[in-house]
C-alpha atoms as a PDB file:
ATOM      1  CA  MET A   1      -6.487  14.861  22.348  1.00  0.00           C
ATOM      2  CA  ASN A   2      -5.290  11.286  23.453  1.00  0.00           C
ATOM      3  CA  LYS A   3      -7.144  10.180  20.202  1.00  0.00           C
ATOM      4  CA  PHE A   4      -4.086  11.318  18.472  1.00  0.00           C
ATOM      5  CA  TYR A   5      -1.592   9.172  20.209  1.00  0.00           C
ATOM      6  CA  GLY A   6      -0.136   6.350  18.129  1.00  0.00           C
ATOM      7  CA  THR A   7      -0.112   5.963  14.291  1.00  0.00           C
ATOM      8  CA  GLY A   8      -1.746   8.483  12.121  1.00  0.00           C
ATOM      9  CA  VAL A   9      -1.339   8.131   8.425  1.00  0.00           C
ATOM     10  CA  ALA A  10      -1.247  11.048   5.900  1.00  0.00           C
ATOM     11  CA  LEU A  11      -3.234   9.377   3.217  1.00  0.00           C
ATOM     12  CA  VAL A  12      -2.233   9.551  -0.537  1.00  0.00           C
ATOM     13  CA  THR A  13      -4.800  10.589  -2.929  1.00  0.00           C
ATOM     14  CA  PRO A  14      -5.261   7.946  -5.507  1.00  0.00           C
ATOM     15  CA  PHE A  15      -5.547   9.082  -9.262  1.00  0.00           C
ATOM     16  CA  THR A  16      -6.859   7.107 -12.235  1.00  0.00           C
ATOM     17  CA  SER A  17      -4.660   6.858 -15.322  1.00  0.00           C
ATOM     18  CA  ASP A  18      -5.885  10.167 -16.674  1.00  0.00           C
ATOM     19  CA  GLY A  19      -5.299  12.138 -13.635  1.00  0.00           C
ATOM     20  CA  GLU A  20      -8.802  12.189 -12.059  1.00  0.00           C
ATOM     21  CA  VAL A  21      -9.304  11.500  -8.343  1.00  0.00           C
ATOM     22  CA  ASP A  22      -9.827   7.634  -7.992  1.00  0.00           C
ATOM     23  CA  PHE A  23     -12.453   7.243  -5.253  1.00  0.00           C
ATOM     24  CA  ARG A  24     -12.609   3.560  -5.650  1.00  0.00           C
ATOM     25  CA  GLY A  25      -8.915   3.505  -4.835  1.00  0.00           C
ATOM     26  CA  LEU A  26      -9.328   5.849  -1.919  1.00  0.00           C
ATOM     27  CA  GLU A  27     -11.897   3.644  -0.485  1.00  0.00           C
ATOM     28  CA  ARG A  28      -9.564   0.400  -0.682  1.00  0.00           C
ATOM     29  CA  LEU A  29      -6.878   2.740   0.880  1.00  0.00           C
ATOM     30  CA  ILE A  30      -9.134   3.679   3.844  1.00  0.00           C
ATOM     31  CA  GLU A  31     -10.069   0.059   4.435  1.00  0.00           C
ATOM     32  CA  HIS A  32      -6.524  -0.958   4.246  1.00  0.00           C
ATOM     33  CA  GLN A  33      -5.606   1.420   6.993  1.00  0.00           C
ATOM     34  CA  ILE A  34      -8.476   0.587   9.239  1.00  0.00           C
ATOM     35  CA  ASN A  35      -7.867  -3.033   9.022  1.00  0.00           C
ATOM     36  CA  GLY A  36      -4.262  -2.337   9.522  1.00  0.00           C
ATOM     37  CA  GLY A  37      -5.152  -0.972  12.980  1.00  0.00           C
ATOM     38  CA  VAL A  38      -3.913   2.504  12.708  1.00  0.00           C
ATOM     39  CA  GLU A  39      -5.255   5.050  15.242  1.00  0.00           C
ATOM     40  CA  TYR A  40      -6.337   7.954  12.938  1.00  0.00           C
ATOM     41  CA  LEU A  41      -6.215   9.259   9.409  1.00  0.00           C
ATOM     42  CA  VAL A  42      -5.145  12.541   7.789  1.00  0.00           C
ATOM     43  CA  ALA A  43      -6.793  13.715   4.717  1.00  0.00           C
ATOM     44  CA  LEU A  44      -5.005  15.969   2.483  1.00  0.00           C
ATOM     45  CA  GLY A  45      -1.787  16.471   4.008  1.00  0.00           C
ATOM     46  CA  THR A  46       1.445  16.981   1.946  1.00  0.00           C
ATOM     47  CA  THR A  47       1.278  13.416   1.028  1.00  0.00           C
ATOM     48  CA  GLY A  48      -2.149  13.691  -0.393  1.00  0.00           C
ATOM     49  CA  GLU A  49      -0.800  16.244  -3.018  1.00  0.00           C
ATOM     50  CA  SER A  50      -3.132  18.895  -1.822  1.00  0.00           C
ATOM     51  CA  ALA A  51      -1.126  21.446  -3.679  1.00  0.00           C
ATOM     52  CA  THR A  52      -2.418  20.236  -7.198  1.00  0.00           C
ATOM     53  CA  LEU A  53      -6.069  19.598  -6.053  1.00  0.00           C
ATOM     54  CA  THR A  54      -8.904  22.083  -6.823  1.00  0.00           C
ATOM     55  CA  LYS A  55     -11.213  23.358  -3.898  1.00  0.00           C
ATOM     56  CA  ASP A  56     -14.008  21.275  -5.257  1.00  0.00           C
ATOM     57  CA  GLU A  57     -11.615  18.127  -5.446  1.00  0.00           C
ATOM     58  CA  LYS A  58     -10.662  18.797  -1.707  1.00  0.00           C
ATOM     59  CA  LYS A  59     -14.126  19.074  -0.471  1.00  0.00           C
ATOM     60  CA  ALA A  60     -15.231  15.899  -2.381  1.00  0.00           C
ATOM     61  CA  ILE A  61     -12.282  13.960  -0.915  1.00  0.00           C
ATOM     62  CA  TRP A  62     -12.841  15.140   2.608  1.00  0.00           C
ATOM     63  CA  GLU A  63     -16.606  14.290   2.240  1.00  0.00           C
ATOM     64  CA  PHE A  64     -15.931  10.901   0.839  1.00  0.00           C
ATOM     65  CA  THR A  65     -13.226  10.077   3.426  1.00  0.00           C
ATOM     66  CA  ALA A  66     -15.643  11.005   6.350  1.00  0.00           C
ATOM     67  CA  GLU A  67     -18.390   8.995   4.633  1.00  0.00           C
ATOM     68  CA  LYS A  68     -16.360   5.785   4.245  1.00  0.00           C
ATOM     69  CA  VAL A  69     -14.557   6.066   7.683  1.00  0.00           C
ATOM     70  CA  ALA A  70     -17.801   6.387   9.413  1.00  0.00           C
ATOM     71  CA  GLY A  71     -16.522   7.302  12.849  1.00  0.00           C
ATOM     72  CA  ARG A  72     -14.333   4.216  13.005  1.00  0.00           C
ATOM     73  CA  VAL A  73     -11.280   6.260  13.556  1.00  0.00           C
ATOM     74  CA  PRO A  74     -10.658   9.990  14.296  1.00  0.00           C
ATOM     75  CA  LEU A  75     -10.043  12.142  11.180  1.00  0.00           C
ATOM     76  CA  MET A  76      -7.754  15.089  10.684  1.00  0.00           C
ATOM     77  CA  ALA A  77      -8.009  17.601   7.795  1.00  0.00           C
ATOM     78  CA  GLY A  78      -4.964  19.184   6.177  1.00  0.00           C
ATOM     79  CA  ILE A  79      -5.631  22.965   5.780  1.00  0.00           C
ATOM     80  CA  GLY A  80      -2.614  25.269   5.467  1.00  0.00           C
ATOM     81  CA  GLY A  81      -0.706  27.557   3.179  1.00  0.00           C
ATOM     82  CA  ASN A  82       1.107  30.764   2.647  1.00  0.00           C
ATOM     83  CA  ASP A  83      -1.841  33.044   2.440  1.00  0.00           C
ATOM     84  CA  THR A  84      -3.137  33.651   5.993  1.00  0.00           C
ATOM     85  CA  ARG A  85      -6.410  35.133   4.995  1.00  0.00           C
ATOM     86  CA  GLU A  86      -7.206  32.365   2.673  1.00  0.00           C
ATOM     87  CA  ILE A  87      -6.368  29.692   5.264  1.00  0.00           C
ATOM     88  CA  VAL A  88      -8.370  31.724   7.897  1.00  0.00           C
ATOM     89  CA  LYS A  89     -11.325  31.502   5.551  1.00  0.00           C
ATOM     90  CA  ALA A  90     -10.902  27.978   4.823  1.00  0.00           C
ATOM     91  CA  VAL A  91     -10.809  26.829   8.629  1.00  0.00           C
ATOM     92  CA  GLU A  92     -13.987  29.137   9.256  1.00  0.00           C
ATOM     93  CA  GLU A  93     -15.705  27.505   6.477  1.00  0.00           C
ATOM     94  CA  PHE A  94     -14.719  23.831   7.107  1.00  0.00           C
ATOM     95  CA  LYS A  95     -17.591  22.349   8.634  1.00  0.00           C
ATOM     96  CA  ILE A  96     -17.570  18.702   7.304  1.00  0.00           C
ATOM     97  CA  ALA A  97     -18.834  16.312   9.839  1.00  0.00           C
ATOM     98  CA  GLY A  98     -16.584  13.572  11.052  1.00  0.00           C
ATOM     99  CA  TYR A  99     -13.379  15.621  11.449  1.00  0.00           C
ATOM    100  CA  GLU A 100     -11.782  16.212  14.909  1.00  0.00           C
ATOM    101  CA  ALA A 101      -8.848  18.536  14.018  1.00  0.00           C
ATOM    102  CA  ILE A 102      -6.912  20.315  11.498  1.00  0.00           C
ATOM    103  CA  LEU A 103      -3.339  19.972  10.383  1.00  0.00           C
ATOM    104  CA  SER A 104      -1.841  23.182   9.230  1.00  0.00           C
ATOM    105  CA  VAL A 105       1.423  23.397   7.591  1.00  0.00           C
ATOM    106  CA  SER A 106       3.647  26.431   8.374  1.00  0.00           C
ATOM    107  CA  PRO A 107       3.726  29.190   5.621  1.00  0.00           C
ATOM    108  CA  TYR A 108       5.956  28.156   2.846  1.00  0.00           C
ATOM    109  CA  TYR A 109       7.814  30.117   0.073  1.00  0.00           C
ATOM    110  CA  ASN A 110       7.302  33.504   1.662  1.00  0.00           C
ATOM    111  CA  LYS A 111       9.936  32.782   4.441  1.00  0.00           C
ATOM    112  CA  PRO A 112       8.180  34.788   7.185  1.00  0.00           C
ATOM    113  CA  VAL A 113      10.160  35.761  10.328  1.00  0.00           C
ATOM    114  CA  GLN A 114       9.044  34.179  13.572  1.00  0.00           C
ATOM    115  CA  GLU A 115       6.742  36.788  14.502  1.00  0.00           C
ATOM    116  CA  GLY A 116       5.065  36.421  11.168  1.00  0.00           C
ATOM    117  CA  MET A 117       4.553  32.662  11.794  1.00  0.00           C
ATOM    118  CA  TYR A 118       3.260  33.415  15.085  1.00  0.00           C
ATOM    119  CA  GLN A 119       0.648  35.835  13.812  1.00  0.00           C
ATOM    120  CA  HIS A 120      -0.195  33.384  11.049  1.00  0.00           C
ATOM    121  CA  TYR A 121      -1.100  30.740  13.577  1.00  0.00           C
ATOM    122  CA  LYS A 122      -2.846  33.140  15.905  1.00  0.00           C
ATOM    123  CA  ALA A 123      -5.054  34.172  13.301  1.00  0.00           C
ATOM    124  CA  ILE A 124      -6.012  30.474  12.407  1.00  0.00           C
ATOM    125  CA  ALA A 125      -6.438  29.587  16.023  1.00  0.00           C
ATOM    126  CA  GLU A 126      -8.776  32.443  16.657  1.00  0.00           C
ATOM    127  CA  ALA A 127     -10.816  31.513  13.495  1.00  0.00           C
ATOM    128  CA  ALA A 128     -10.789  27.773  13.842  1.00  0.00           C
ATOM    129  CA  HIS A 129     -13.783  25.694  15.446  1.00  0.00           C
ATOM    130  CA  LEU A 130     -11.599  22.703  15.431  1.00  0.00           C
ATOM    131  CA  PRO A 131      -8.230  22.022  17.461  1.00  0.00           C
ATOM    132  CA  ILE A 132      -5.175  22.766  15.454  1.00  0.00           C
ATOM    133  CA  LEU A 133      -1.987  20.720  15.068  1.00  0.00           C
ATOM    134  CA  LEU A 134       1.049  22.938  13.993  1.00  0.00           C
ATOM    135  CA  TYR A 135       3.093  21.312  11.190  1.00  0.00           C
ATOM    136  CA  ASN A 136       6.967  22.141  10.678  1.00  0.00           C
ATOM    137  CA  VAL A 137       8.557  20.856   7.761  1.00  0.00           C
ATOM    138  CA  PRO A 138      11.395  23.212   6.769  1.00  0.00           C
ATOM    139  CA  GLY A 139      12.706  20.902   3.911  1.00  0.00           C
ATOM    140  CA  ARG A 140       9.569  21.650   2.088  1.00  0.00           C
ATOM    141  CA  THR A 141       8.601  25.255   3.431  1.00  0.00           C
ATOM    142  CA  GLY A 142      11.773  26.822   3.283  1.00  0.00           C
ATOM    143  CA  SER A 143      11.632  28.224   6.782  1.00  0.00           C
ATOM    144  CA  ASN A 144      11.860  26.676  10.246  1.00  0.00           C
ATOM    145  CA  LEU A 145       9.089  27.197  13.074  1.00  0.00           C
ATOM    146  CA  ALA A 146      11.473  27.794  15.855  1.00  0.00           C
ATOM    147  CA  PRO A 147      11.060  25.956  19.144  1.00  0.00           C
ATOM    148  CA  GLU A 148      10.376  29.332  20.893  1.00  0.00           C
ATOM    149  CA  THR A 149       7.435  30.116  18.395  1.00  0.00           C
ATOM    150  CA  THR A 150       6.009  26.615  18.870  1.00  0.00           C
ATOM    151  CA  LEU A 151       6.139  26.893  22.751  1.00  0.00           C
ATOM    152  CA  ARG A 152       4.793  30.451  22.594  1.00  0.00           C
ATOM    153  CA  LEU A 153       1.802  29.205  20.464  1.00  0.00           C
ATOM    154  CA  ALA A 154       1.329  26.105  22.738  1.00  0.00           C
ATOM    155  CA  SER A 155       1.146  28.486  25.717  1.00  0.00           C
ATOM    156  CA  ASP A 156      -1.064  31.084  24.347  1.00  0.00           C
ATOM    157  CA  PHE A 157      -3.730  28.956  22.369  1.00  0.00           C
ATOM    158  CA  LYS A 158      -5.364  26.074  24.179  1.00  0.00           C
ATOM    159  CA  ASN A 159      -6.833  24.914  20.746  1.00  0.00           C
ATOM    160  CA  ILE A 160      -3.361  24.452  19.377  1.00  0.00           C
ATOM    161  CA  PHE A 161      -3.057  21.091  20.759  1.00  0.00           C
ATOM    162  CA  GLY A 162       0.352  19.794  19.298  1.00  0.00           C
ATOM    163  CA  VAL A 163       3.013  19.970  16.716  1.00  0.00           C
ATOM    164  CA  LYS A 164       3.935  17.521  13.952  1.00  0.00           C
ATOM    165  CA  GLU A 165       7.827  18.071  13.724  1.00  0.00           C
ATOM    166  CA  ALA A 166       9.570  17.114  10.708  1.00  0.00           C
ATOM    167  CA  SER A 167      12.653  19.346  10.945  1.00  0.00           C
ATOM    168  CA  GLY A 168      15.043  16.351  11.669  1.00  0.00           C
ATOM    169  CA  ASN A 169      16.781  18.533  14.322  1.00  0.00           C
ATOM    170  CA  PHE A 170      16.968  16.619  17.701  1.00  0.00           C
ATOM    171  CA  ASP A 171      18.199  19.770  19.574  1.00  0.00           C
ATOM    172  CA  GLN A 172      15.021  21.409  18.516  1.00  0.00           C
ATOM    173  CA  PHE A 173      12.937  18.224  19.379  1.00  0.00           C
ATOM    174  CA  ASN A 174      14.803  18.216  22.804  1.00  0.00           C
ATOM    175  CA  GLN A 175      13.931  21.994  23.590  1.00  0.00           C
ATOM    176  CA  ILE A 176      10.148  21.532  22.564  1.00  0.00           C
ATOM    177  CA  LEU A 177       9.816  18.306  24.617  1.00  0.00           C
ATOM    178  CA  LYS A 178      11.662  19.800  27.565  1.00  0.00           C
ATOM    179  CA  ASP A 179       9.522  22.963  27.870  1.00  0.00           C
ATOM    180  CA  LYS A 180       5.988  22.072  26.430  1.00  0.00           C
ATOM    181  CA  PRO A 181       2.829  21.996  28.336  1.00  0.00           C
ATOM    182  CA  ALA A 182       2.047  18.579  29.702  1.00  0.00           C
ATOM    183  CA  ASP A 183      -0.900  18.250  27.370  1.00  0.00           C
ATOM    184  CA  PHE A 184       0.728  19.499  24.238  1.00  0.00           C
ATOM    185  CA  LEU A 185       1.332  16.611  21.819  1.00  0.00           C
ATOM    186  CA  PHE A 186       4.705  16.133  20.043  1.00  0.00           C
ATOM    187  CA  ILE A 187       4.030  14.008  16.996  1.00  0.00           C
ATOM    188  CA  SER A 188       6.778  12.724  14.646  1.00  0.00           C
ATOM    189  CA  GLY A 189       6.766  13.694  11.031  1.00  0.00           C
ATOM    190  CA  ASP A 190       9.508  11.392   9.805  1.00  0.00           C
ATOM    191  CA  ASP A 191       8.983   7.663  10.009  1.00  0.00           C
ATOM    192  CA  SER A 192      12.527   6.636  10.265  1.00  0.00           C
ATOM    193  CA  VAL A 193      12.912   8.553  13.530  1.00  0.00           C
ATOM    194  CA  THR A 194       9.627   7.951  15.405  1.00  0.00           C
ATOM    195  CA  LEU A 195      11.182   5.384  17.711  1.00  0.00           C
ATOM    196  CA  PRO A 196      13.815   7.837  19.400  1.00  0.00           C
ATOM    197  CA  ILE A 197      11.181  10.543  19.360  1.00  0.00           C
ATOM    198  CA  ILE A 198       8.704   8.363  21.389  1.00  0.00           C
ATOM    199  CA  ALA A 199      11.584   7.448  23.757  1.00  0.00           C
ATOM    200  CA  MET A 200      11.948  11.170  24.220  1.00  0.00           C
ATOM    201  CA  GLY A 201       8.257  11.627  25.026  1.00  0.00           C
ATOM    202  CA  GLY A 202       6.584  11.898  21.640  1.00  0.00           C
ATOM    203  CA  ALA A 203       3.138  10.877  21.142  1.00  0.00           C
ATOM    204  CA  GLY A 204       3.610   8.883  17.826  1.00  0.00           C
ATOM    205  CA  ILE A 205       3.830   9.725  14.034  1.00  0.00           C
ATOM    206  CA  ILE A 206       1.826  10.883  11.196  1.00  0.00           C
ATOM    207  CA  SER A 207       3.036   8.441   8.738  1.00  0.00           C
ATOM    208  CA  VAL A 208       3.595   8.173   5.082  1.00  0.00           C
ATOM    209  CA  VAL A 209       5.226   4.660   5.178  1.00  0.00           C
ATOM    210  CA  ALA A 210       1.965   3.395   6.939  1.00  0.00           C
ATOM    211  CA  ASN A 211      -0.023   3.954   3.859  1.00  0.00           C
ATOM    212  CA  ALA A 212       1.487   0.547   2.437  1.00  0.00           C
ATOM    213  CA  ILE A 213       2.184  -1.378   5.582  1.00  0.00           C
ATOM    214  CA  PRO A 214      -0.181  -0.076   8.309  1.00  0.00           C
ATOM    215  CA  ARG A 215      -0.142  -3.184  10.418  1.00  0.00           C
ATOM    216  CA  GLN A 216       3.703  -3.561  10.681  1.00  0.00           C
ATOM    217  CA  PHE A 217       4.169   0.091  11.295  1.00  0.00           C
ATOM    218  CA  SER A 218       1.431   0.694  13.848  1.00  0.00           C
ATOM    219  CA  ASP A 219       2.421  -2.479  15.858  1.00  0.00           C
ATOM    220  CA  MET A 220       5.819  -1.128  16.003  1.00  0.00           C
ATOM    221  CA  ILE A 221       4.581   2.202  17.320  1.00  0.00           C
ATOM    222  CA  ARG A 222       2.183   0.694  19.893  1.00  0.00           C
ATOM    223  CA  LEU A 223       5.220  -1.339  21.478  1.00  0.00           C
ATOM    224  CA  CYS A 224       7.281   1.883  21.765  1.00  0.00           C
ATOM    225  CA  LEU A 225       4.356   3.787  23.440  1.00  0.00           C
ATOM    226  CA  GLU A 226       4.080   0.922  25.813  1.00  0.00           C
ATOM    227  CA  GLY A 227       7.846   1.410  26.612  1.00  0.00           C
ATOM    228  CA  LYS A 228       8.734  -1.951  25.082  1.00  0.00           C
ATOM    229  CA  PHE A 229      11.580  -0.733  23.124  1.00  0.00           C
ATOM    230  CA  LYS A 230      13.565  -3.900  23.147  1.00  0.00           C
ATOM    231  CA  GLU A 231      10.623  -5.580  21.274  1.00  0.00           C
ATOM    232  CA  ALA A 232      10.105  -2.627  19.029  1.00  0.00           C
ATOM    233  CA  GLN A 233      13.814  -2.416  17.724  1.00  0.00           C
ATOM    234  CA  PRO A 234      13.816  -5.534  15.620  1.00  0.00           C
ATOM    235  CA  LEU A 235      10.506  -4.271  13.843  1.00  0.00           C
ATOM    236  CA  HIS A 236      12.019  -0.756  13.504  1.00  0.00           C
ATOM    237  CA  TYR A 237      15.255  -2.043  11.787  1.00  0.00           C
ATOM    238  CA  LYS A 238      13.206  -4.548   9.667  1.00  0.00           C
ATOM    239  CA  LEU A 239      11.482  -1.415   8.170  1.00  0.00           C
ATOM    240  CA  ILE A 240      14.326   0.850   7.623  1.00  0.00           C
ATOM    241  CA  ASP A 241      15.335  -0.221   4.131  1.00  0.00           C
ATOM    242  CA  PHE A 242      11.948  -0.205   2.972  1.00  0.00           C
ATOM    243  CA  THR A 243      11.288   3.333   4.582  1.00  0.00           C
ATOM    244  CA  ASN A 244      14.332   4.607   2.739  1.00  0.00           C
ATOM    245  CA  LEU A 245      12.986   3.295  -0.570  1.00  0.00           C
ATOM    246  CA  MET A 246       9.766   5.275   0.060  1.00  0.00           C
ATOM    247  CA  PHE A 247      11.596   8.525  -0.276  1.00  0.00           C
ATOM    248  CA  ALA A 248      14.403   7.532  -2.658  1.00  0.00           C
ATOM    249  CA  GLU A 249      12.676   9.393  -5.412  1.00  0.00           C
ATOM    250  CA  GLY A 250      10.413  11.713  -3.499  1.00  0.00           C
ATOM    251  CA  ASN A 251       7.142  11.536  -1.656  1.00  0.00           C
ATOM    252  CA  PRO A 252       4.475  10.228  -2.493  1.00  0.00           C
ATOM    253  CA  ALA A 253       6.042   8.575  -5.365  1.00  0.00           C
ATOM    254  CA  GLY A 254       7.549   5.834  -3.546  1.00  0.00           C
ATOM    255  CA  VAL A 255       4.499   4.837  -1.374  1.00  0.00           C
ATOM    256  CA  LYS A 256       2.297   5.109  -4.371  1.00  0.00           C
ATOM    257  CA  SER A 257       4.447   2.602  -6.167  1.00  0.00           C
ATOM    258  CA  ALA A 258       4.193   0.308  -3.006  1.00  0.00           C
ATOM    259  CA  LEU A 259       0.392   0.723  -3.071  1.00  0.00           C
ATOM    260  CA  LYS A 260       0.244  -0.188  -6.709  1.00  0.00           C
ATOM    261  CA  HIS A 261       2.244  -3.419  -6.027  1.00  0.00           C
ATOM    262  CA  ALA A 262      -0.279  -4.090  -3.187  1.00  0.00           C
ATOM    263  CA  GLY A 263      -3.121  -3.761  -5.592  1.00  0.00           C
ATOM    264  CA  ILE A 264      -4.795  -0.862  -3.787  1.00  0.00           C
ATOM    265  CA  CYS A 265      -4.459   1.991  -6.224  1.00  0.00           C
ATOM    266  CA  SER A 266      -2.278   3.011  -9.170  1.00  0.00           C
ATOM    267  CA  ASP A 267       0.998   4.986  -8.843  1.00  0.00           C
ATOM    268  CA  THR A 268      -0.196   7.793 -11.016  1.00  0.00           C
ATOM    269  CA  LEU A 269       0.859  11.389  -9.598  1.00  0.00           C
ATOM    270  CA  ARG A 270      -0.080  14.826 -10.731  1.00  0.00           C
ATOM    271  CA  LEU A 271       2.719  16.889 -12.541  1.00  0.00           C
ATOM    272  CA  PRO A 272       5.153  18.177 -11.404  1.00  0.00           C
ATOM    273  CA  LEU A 273       5.356  15.048  -9.512  1.00  0.00           C
ATOM    274  CA  VAL A 274       6.326  11.872 -11.523  1.00  0.00           C
ATOM    275  CA  SER A 275       6.190   8.144 -10.653  1.00  0.00           C
ATOM    276  CA  VAL A 276       9.443   6.378  -9.520  1.00  0.00           C
ATOM    277  CA  SER A 277      11.827   4.883 -12.146  1.00  0.00           C
ATOM    278  CA  THR A 278      11.275   1.362 -13.149  1.00  0.00           C
ATOM    279  CA  ALA A 279      14.488   0.287 -11.185  1.00  0.00           C
ATOM    280  CA  THR A 280      13.141   1.788  -8.007  1.00  0.00           C
ATOM    281  CA  SER A 281       9.758   0.321  -8.470  1.00  0.00           C
ATOM    282  CA  GLU A 282      11.262  -3.122  -8.680  1.00  0.00           C
ATOM    283  CA  LYS A 283      13.192  -2.515  -5.598  1.00  0.00           C
ATOM    284  CA  ILE A 284      10.031  -1.436  -3.743  1.00  0.00           C
ATOM    285  CA  LYS A 285       8.139  -4.293  -4.991  1.00  0.00           C
ATOM    286  CA  ALA A 286      10.796  -6.653  -3.643  1.00  0.00           C
ATOM    287  CA  ALA A 287      11.009  -4.949  -0.510  1.00  0.00           C
ATOM    288  CA  TYR A 288       7.184  -4.753  -0.047  1.00  0.00           C
ATOM    289  CA  GLU A 289       6.854  -8.597  -0.698  1.00  0.00           C
ATOM    290  CA  ALA A 290       9.769  -9.334   1.908  1.00  0.00           C
ATOM    291  CA  LEU A 291       7.596  -7.579   4.559  1.00  0.00           C
END
């Protein structure tokens, strides 16, 4: 799965002012990413506000994204949730041409024990006809996919090819990276810590920030993957303040504000998410223009 090394982008879902999916904005966003040199795209991860999209809207977005990408970069679809039977059915039925993997977030709200998480992913792996990338983001889900469970899944299912790790726990990162199978990808889920994760053996990032600045971010990641950390460090530090602003009032509100200032799409979100404050928007505009 070397096609998923480097910078992947968790695409936002642009909306019109009345809250409908903005496909023209999505097309501009896709071209912005490809022209910016990113390695692959993720359609309808958390950043895509998938929790507030209907099944029909999701299907339309997946199909539109595949059509516009037209094979120029690999595509991954976000299909995850806390009802195992529903997710199994969704991955079984997912047959949209152009996608090469599925990103599946660990179950949220239910707070399953580790055996429950293992059985959840086991059921998905056995049903899926595309490779699966685990996604651990305890700050959103309310429960942590433990290193032991990640490693057990990596060992037991060859079609589980990696993990997107967003726990922020470097002890956990160390344990997985030390004991994982050689071909199991460890992908950062946090923009600000990707440089040290790659230094530890990570394969790259699925980024939020790169929605707005794909060229700057992917250039930095490529230097890291080439082992050129001295060259990458100035770029990393140059992006820190902008990255922090992207999450100051929640994701994807921050990056949608940046995309509005870039003229790519509006900053409209679906409730219960709301746009950033005017003060934060002005800071984001200044930081974006400086980059």
